[in-house]
Amino acid sequence: MITALIFTAHIIFMAVIFTKKWQDESLSSAFINLALIVILFAVGWSISTSLVKLVIDSKGFGIQFDADAISLTVLIIFEFFFYRFYYRDDKSGTQASTEDDKEM
């Protein structure tokens, strides 16, 4: 169940970023950002799985929170901070443009 929630969160995040980049920049930029998210998810999941399996048994902490769910949880925490830093310019850029419009 936790795994399904994390996959669903990623799909929603990809749809939001794809739509935002398509509207603000271009279709090619939207596809590049989509590829970035998919590649970081795939590589990050393999790395976090390797690290978690060094520390925690494959059974994990129960039926719903096994080693794969733990590695996905570690991954989503890392991705949250990374994407918050990476897409920070998008938010400040729209705020700066609205503040410039108010001054005129």
N, C-alpha and C. Protein backbone atom coordinates (compact mmCIF):
# COMPACT_ATOMS: atom_id res chain seq x y z
N MET A 1 0.82 -1.19 0.00
CA MET A 1 0.00 0.00 0.00
C MET A 1 0.86 1.26 0.00
N ILE A 2 1.93 1.25 0.80
CA ILE A 2 2.83 2.39 0.84
C ILE A 2 3.50 2.57 -0.51
N THR A 3 3.88 1.47 -1.13
CA THR A 3 4.51 1.52 -2.44
C THR A 3 3.57 2.12 -3.48
N ALA A 4 2.32 1.74 -3.44
CA ALA A 4 1.34 2.28 -4.38
C ALA A 4 1.14 3.77 -4.17
N LEU A 5 1.12 4.21 -2.93
CA LEU A 5 0.99 5.65 -2.65
C LEU A 5 2.18 6.44 -3.18
N ILE A 6 3.36 5.89 -3.03
CA ILE A 6 4.56 6.58 -3.50
C ILE A 6 4.58 6.64 -5.03
N PHE A 7 4.21 5.55 -5.69
CA PHE A 7 4.13 5.57 -7.15
C PHE A 7 3.07 6.56 -7.63
N THR A 8 1.94 6.61 -6.96
CA THR A 8 0.87 7.56 -7.32
C THR A 8 1.33 9.00 -7.12
N ALA A 9 2.06 9.26 -6.05
CA ALA A 9 2.58 10.61 -5.81
C ALA A 9 3.56 11.01 -6.91
N HIS A 10 4.37 10.07 -7.37
CA HIS A 10 5.30 10.38 -8.45
C HIS A 10 4.56 10.65 -9.76
N ILE A 11 3.54 9.89 -10.05
CA ILE A 11 2.78 10.10 -11.29
C ILE A 11 2.09 11.47 -11.26
N ILE A 12 1.52 11.83 -10.14
CA ILE A 12 0.87 13.15 -10.02
C ILE A 12 1.92 14.25 -10.15
N PHE A 13 3.07 14.08 -9.50
CA PHE A 13 4.14 15.08 -9.58
C PHE A 13 4.63 15.23 -11.01
N MET A 14 4.78 14.12 -11.74
CA MET A 14 5.22 14.19 -13.13
C MET A 14 4.20 14.92 -13.99
N ALA A 15 2.93 14.67 -13.75
CA ALA A 15 1.89 15.35 -14.53
C ALA A 15 1.89 16.86 -14.26
N VAL A 16 2.07 17.24 -13.01
CA VAL A 16 2.08 18.67 -12.65
C VAL A 16 3.27 19.36 -13.28
N ILE A 17 4.46 18.79 -13.14
CA ILE A 17 5.67 19.40 -13.69
C ILE A 17 5.60 19.44 -15.21
N PHE A 18 5.14 18.36 -15.84
CA PHE A 18 5.02 18.33 -17.30
C PHE A 18 4.10 19.44 -17.79
N THR A 19 2.95 19.58 -17.16
CA THR A 19 1.99 20.61 -17.57
C THR A 19 2.55 22.01 -17.34
N LYS A 20 3.18 22.22 -16.19
CA LYS A 20 3.73 23.55 -15.87
C LYS A 20 4.83 23.93 -16.85
N LYS A 21 5.74 23.02 -17.12
CA LYS A 21 6.84 23.31 -18.05
C LYS A 21 6.33 23.49 -19.48
N TRP A 22 5.32 22.74 -19.86
CA TRP A 22 4.75 22.87 -21.20
C TRP A 22 4.11 24.24 -21.37
N GLN A 23 3.40 24.71 -20.37
CA GLN A 23 2.74 26.02 -20.45
C GLN A 23 3.74 27.17 -20.34
N ASP A 24 4.71 27.05 -19.44
CA ASP A 24 5.64 28.16 -19.19
C ASP A 24 6.77 28.23 -20.21
N GLU A 25 7.27 27.08 -20.65
CA GLU A 25 8.44 27.08 -21.53
C GLU A 25 8.11 26.49 -22.88
N SER A 26 8.24 25.17 -23.03
CA SER A 26 7.95 24.52 -24.31
C SER A 26 7.69 23.04 -24.08
N LEU A 27 7.25 22.38 -25.13
CA LEU A 27 6.97 20.96 -25.04
C LEU A 27 8.26 20.16 -24.85
N SER A 28 9.32 20.57 -25.52
CA SER A 28 10.59 19.85 -25.35
C SER A 28 11.12 19.99 -23.93
N SER A 29 10.97 21.15 -23.32
CA SER A 29 11.38 21.34 -21.93
C SER A 29 10.55 20.46 -20.99
N ALA A 30 9.29 20.30 -21.30
CA ALA A 30 8.43 19.44 -20.49
C ALA A 30 8.89 17.99 -20.56
N PHE A 31 9.25 17.52 -21.76
CA PHE A 31 9.72 16.15 -21.90
C PHE A 31 11.08 15.95 -21.24
N ILE A 32 11.94 16.95 -21.29
CA ILE A 32 13.25 16.86 -20.64
C ILE A 32 13.08 16.75 -19.13
N ASN A 33 12.18 17.55 -18.56
CA ASN A 33 11.92 17.48 -17.12
C ASN A 33 11.29 16.14 -16.74
N LEU A 34 10.43 15.62 -17.60
CA LEU A 34 9.82 14.32 -17.36
C LEU A 34 10.89 13.22 -17.36
N ALA A 35 11.82 13.30 -18.31
CA ALA A 35 12.92 12.32 -18.37
C ALA A 35 13.80 12.43 -17.13
N LEU A 36 14.06 13.65 -16.67
CA LEU A 36 14.86 13.85 -15.46
C LEU A 36 14.22 13.16 -14.26
N ILE A 37 12.93 13.35 -14.11
CA ILE A 37 12.22 12.75 -12.98
C ILE A 37 12.26 11.23 -13.04
N VAL A 38 12.05 10.67 -14.23
CA VAL A 38 12.04 9.21 -14.39
C VAL A 38 13.43 8.64 -14.12
N ILE A 39 14.47 9.29 -14.65
CA ILE A 39 15.83 8.79 -14.45
C ILE A 39 16.24 8.89 -12.98
N LEU A 40 15.95 10.02 -12.34
CA LEU A 40 16.29 10.16 -10.92
C LEU A 40 15.53 9.16 -10.06
N PHE A 41 14.29 8.86 -10.43
CA PHE A 41 13.52 7.88 -9.67
C PHE A 41 14.14 6.49 -9.82
N ALA A 42 14.46 6.11 -11.04
CA ALA A 42 15.01 4.77 -11.27
C ALA A 42 16.38 4.59 -10.61
N VAL A 43 17.26 5.55 -10.82
CA VAL A 43 18.60 5.46 -10.24
C VAL A 43 18.54 5.59 -8.72
N GLY A 44 17.73 6.53 -8.24
CA GLY A 44 17.61 6.73 -6.80
C GLY A 44 17.03 5.53 -6.09
N TRP A 45 16.07 4.86 -6.73
CA TRP A 45 15.47 3.67 -6.12
C TRP A 45 16.51 2.56 -6.00
N SER A 46 17.33 2.37 -7.05
CA SER A 46 18.34 1.31 -6.96
C SER A 46 19.38 1.61 -5.89
N ILE A 47 19.81 2.87 -5.80
CA ILE A 47 20.81 3.23 -4.79
C ILE A 47 20.23 3.10 -3.38
N SER A 48 19.01 3.61 -3.19
CA SER A 48 18.42 3.53 -1.85
C SER A 48 18.11 2.08 -1.46
N THR A 49 17.75 1.24 -2.42
CA THR A 49 17.53 -0.18 -2.13
C THR A 49 18.83 -0.84 -1.69
N SER A 50 19.92 -0.52 -2.37
CA SER A 50 21.21 -1.09 -1.99
C SER A 50 21.61 -0.68 -0.57
N LEU A 51 21.41 0.60 -0.26
CA LEU A 51 21.78 1.09 1.07
C LEU A 51 20.88 0.54 2.17
N VAL A 52 19.60 0.45 1.90
CA VAL A 52 18.66 -0.05 2.92
C VAL A 52 18.90 -1.53 3.18
N LYS A 53 19.18 -2.31 2.13
CA LYS A 53 19.39 -3.74 2.33
C LYS A 53 20.69 -4.04 3.08
N LEU A 54 21.61 -3.09 3.13
CA LEU A 54 22.80 -3.27 3.95
C LEU A 54 22.47 -3.18 5.44
N VAL A 55 21.44 -2.40 5.77
CA VAL A 55 21.12 -2.11 7.17
C VAL A 55 19.93 -2.92 7.67
N ILE A 56 18.92 -3.09 6.82
CA ILE A 56 17.65 -3.70 7.25
C ILE A 56 17.41 -4.99 6.47
N ASP A 57 16.86 -5.98 7.17
CA ASP A 57 16.52 -7.26 6.56
C ASP A 57 15.43 -7.06 5.50
N SER A 58 15.31 -7.98 4.56
CA SER A 58 14.33 -7.83 3.48
C SER A 58 12.88 -7.86 3.98
N LYS A 59 12.65 -8.43 5.17
CA LYS A 59 11.31 -8.43 5.74
C LYS A 59 10.90 -7.05 6.23
N GLY A 60 11.88 -6.23 6.57
CA GLY A 60 11.58 -4.87 7.02
C GLY A 60 10.93 -4.84 8.38
N PHE A 61 9.90 -4.00 8.51
CA PHE A 61 9.21 -3.84 9.80
C PHE A 61 7.80 -4.41 9.78
N GLY A 62 7.45 -5.17 8.78
CA GLY A 62 6.13 -5.76 8.71
C GLY A 62 5.72 -6.04 7.27
N ILE A 63 4.48 -6.44 7.11
CA ILE A 63 3.99 -6.78 5.78
C ILE A 63 3.93 -5.56 4.88
N GLN A 64 3.43 -4.45 5.38
CA GLN A 64 3.25 -3.25 4.56
C GLN A 64 4.51 -2.40 4.45
N PHE A 65 5.45 -2.56 5.36
CA PHE A 65 6.64 -1.71 5.38
C PHE A 65 7.90 -2.57 5.27
N ASP A 66 8.02 -3.27 4.13
CA ASP A 66 9.18 -4.13 3.91
C ASP A 66 10.36 -3.28 3.42
N ALA A 67 11.43 -3.93 3.02
CA ALA A 67 12.65 -3.21 2.63
C ALA A 67 12.43 -2.33 1.40
N ASP A 68 11.60 -2.78 0.46
CA ASP A 68 11.33 -1.96 -0.72
C ASP A 68 10.55 -0.70 -0.36
N ALA A 69 9.59 -0.83 0.53
CA ALA A 69 8.83 0.35 0.97
C ALA A 69 9.72 1.31 1.75
N ILE A 70 10.63 0.78 2.53
CA ILE A 70 11.56 1.63 3.27
C ILE A 70 12.47 2.37 2.30
N SER A 71 12.99 1.67 1.29
CA SER A 71 13.88 2.32 0.32
C SER A 71 13.13 3.37 -0.48
N LEU A 72 11.88 3.12 -0.82
CA LEU A 72 11.08 4.14 -1.52
C LEU A 72 10.79 5.33 -0.62
N THR A 73 10.60 5.10 0.66
CA THR A 73 10.39 6.19 1.60
C THR A 73 11.64 7.05 1.73
N VAL A 74 12.80 6.41 1.81
CA VAL A 74 14.06 7.15 1.85
C VAL A 74 14.23 7.95 0.55
N LEU A 75 13.89 7.33 -0.57
CA LEU A 75 14.01 8.00 -1.86
C LEU A 75 13.10 9.22 -1.94
N ILE A 76 11.87 9.10 -1.51
CA ILE A 76 10.94 10.22 -1.63
C ILE A 76 11.34 11.37 -0.71
N ILE A 77 11.96 11.08 0.42
CA ILE A 77 12.47 12.15 1.29
C ILE A 77 13.61 12.88 0.60
N PHE A 78 14.54 12.13 0.00
CA PHE A 78 15.63 12.75 -0.73
C PHE A 78 15.11 13.57 -1.91
N GLU A 79 14.17 12.99 -2.66
CA GLU A 79 13.62 13.69 -3.83
C GLU A 79 12.88 14.95 -3.43
N PHE A 80 12.20 14.94 -2.32
CA PHE A 80 11.47 16.13 -1.87
C PHE A 80 12.42 17.32 -1.74
N PHE A 81 13.54 17.11 -1.06
CA PHE A 81 14.48 18.20 -0.88
C PHE A 81 15.19 18.58 -2.18
N PHE A 82 15.51 17.57 -2.99
CA PHE A 82 16.17 17.86 -4.26
C PHE A 82 15.26 18.66 -5.19
N TYR A 83 14.02 18.20 -5.39
CA TYR A 83 13.11 18.91 -6.30
C TYR A 83 12.71 20.27 -5.74
N ARG A 84 12.65 20.39 -4.45
CA ARG A 84 12.35 21.69 -3.86
C ARG A 84 13.46 22.69 -4.19
N PHE A 85 14.72 22.22 -4.15
CA PHE A 85 15.84 23.07 -4.54
C PHE A 85 15.86 23.30 -6.04
N TYR A 86 15.63 22.25 -6.84
CA TYR A 86 15.73 22.31 -8.29
C TYR A 86 14.65 23.20 -8.91
N TYR A 87 13.44 23.10 -8.42
CA TYR A 87 12.32 23.87 -8.98
C TYR A 87 12.04 25.15 -8.21
N ARG A 88 12.94 25.57 -7.34
CA ARG A 88 12.76 26.79 -6.58
C ARG A 88 12.75 28.01 -7.49
N ASP A 89 13.54 28.01 -8.56
CA ASP A 89 13.60 29.14 -9.47
C ASP A 89 12.27 29.38 -10.17
N ASP A 90 11.51 28.33 -10.43
CA ASP A 90 10.21 28.49 -11.08
C ASP A 90 9.27 29.31 -10.22
N LYS A 91 9.24 29.01 -8.93
CA LYS A 91 8.33 29.72 -8.03
C LYS A 91 8.76 31.18 -7.87
N SER A 92 10.05 31.43 -7.66
CA SER A 92 10.52 32.80 -7.45
C SER A 92 10.42 33.60 -8.73
N GLY A 93 10.55 32.96 -9.89
CA GLY A 93 10.44 33.67 -11.16
C GLY A 93 9.04 34.20 -11.39
N THR A 94 8.02 33.44 -11.04
CA THR A 94 6.65 33.92 -11.22
C THR A 94 6.31 34.98 -10.19
N GLN A 95 6.86 34.86 -8.99
CA GLN A 95 6.60 35.88 -7.98
C GLN A 95 7.30 37.19 -8.34
N ALA A 96 8.50 37.10 -8.89
CA ALA A 96 9.23 38.31 -9.26
C ALA A 96 8.53 39.02 -10.40
N SER A 97 7.99 38.26 -11.35
CA SER A 97 7.33 38.91 -12.48
C SER A 97 6.03 39.58 -12.03
N THR A 98 5.31 39.02 -11.08
CA THR A 98 4.08 39.67 -10.60
C THR A 98 4.42 40.90 -9.78
N GLU A 99 5.53 40.87 -9.05
CA GLU A 99 5.92 42.06 -8.29
C GLU A 99 6.38 43.17 -9.23
N ASP A 100 7.04 42.82 -10.35
CA ASP A 100 7.45 43.83 -11.32
C ASP A 100 6.25 44.44 -12.01
N ASP A 101 5.21 43.64 -12.24
CA ASP A 101 4.00 44.14 -12.87
C ASP A 101 3.28 45.12 -11.96
N LYS A 102 3.32 44.90 -10.67
CA LYS A 102 2.65 45.79 -9.72
C LYS A 102 3.33 47.15 -9.67
N GLU A 103 4.66 47.18 -9.83
CA GLU A 103 5.39 48.44 -9.76
C GLU A 103 5.10 49.32 -10.95
N MET A 104 4.79 48.74 -12.10
CA MET A 104 4.53 49.53 -13.30
C MET A 104 3.15 50.05 -13.25
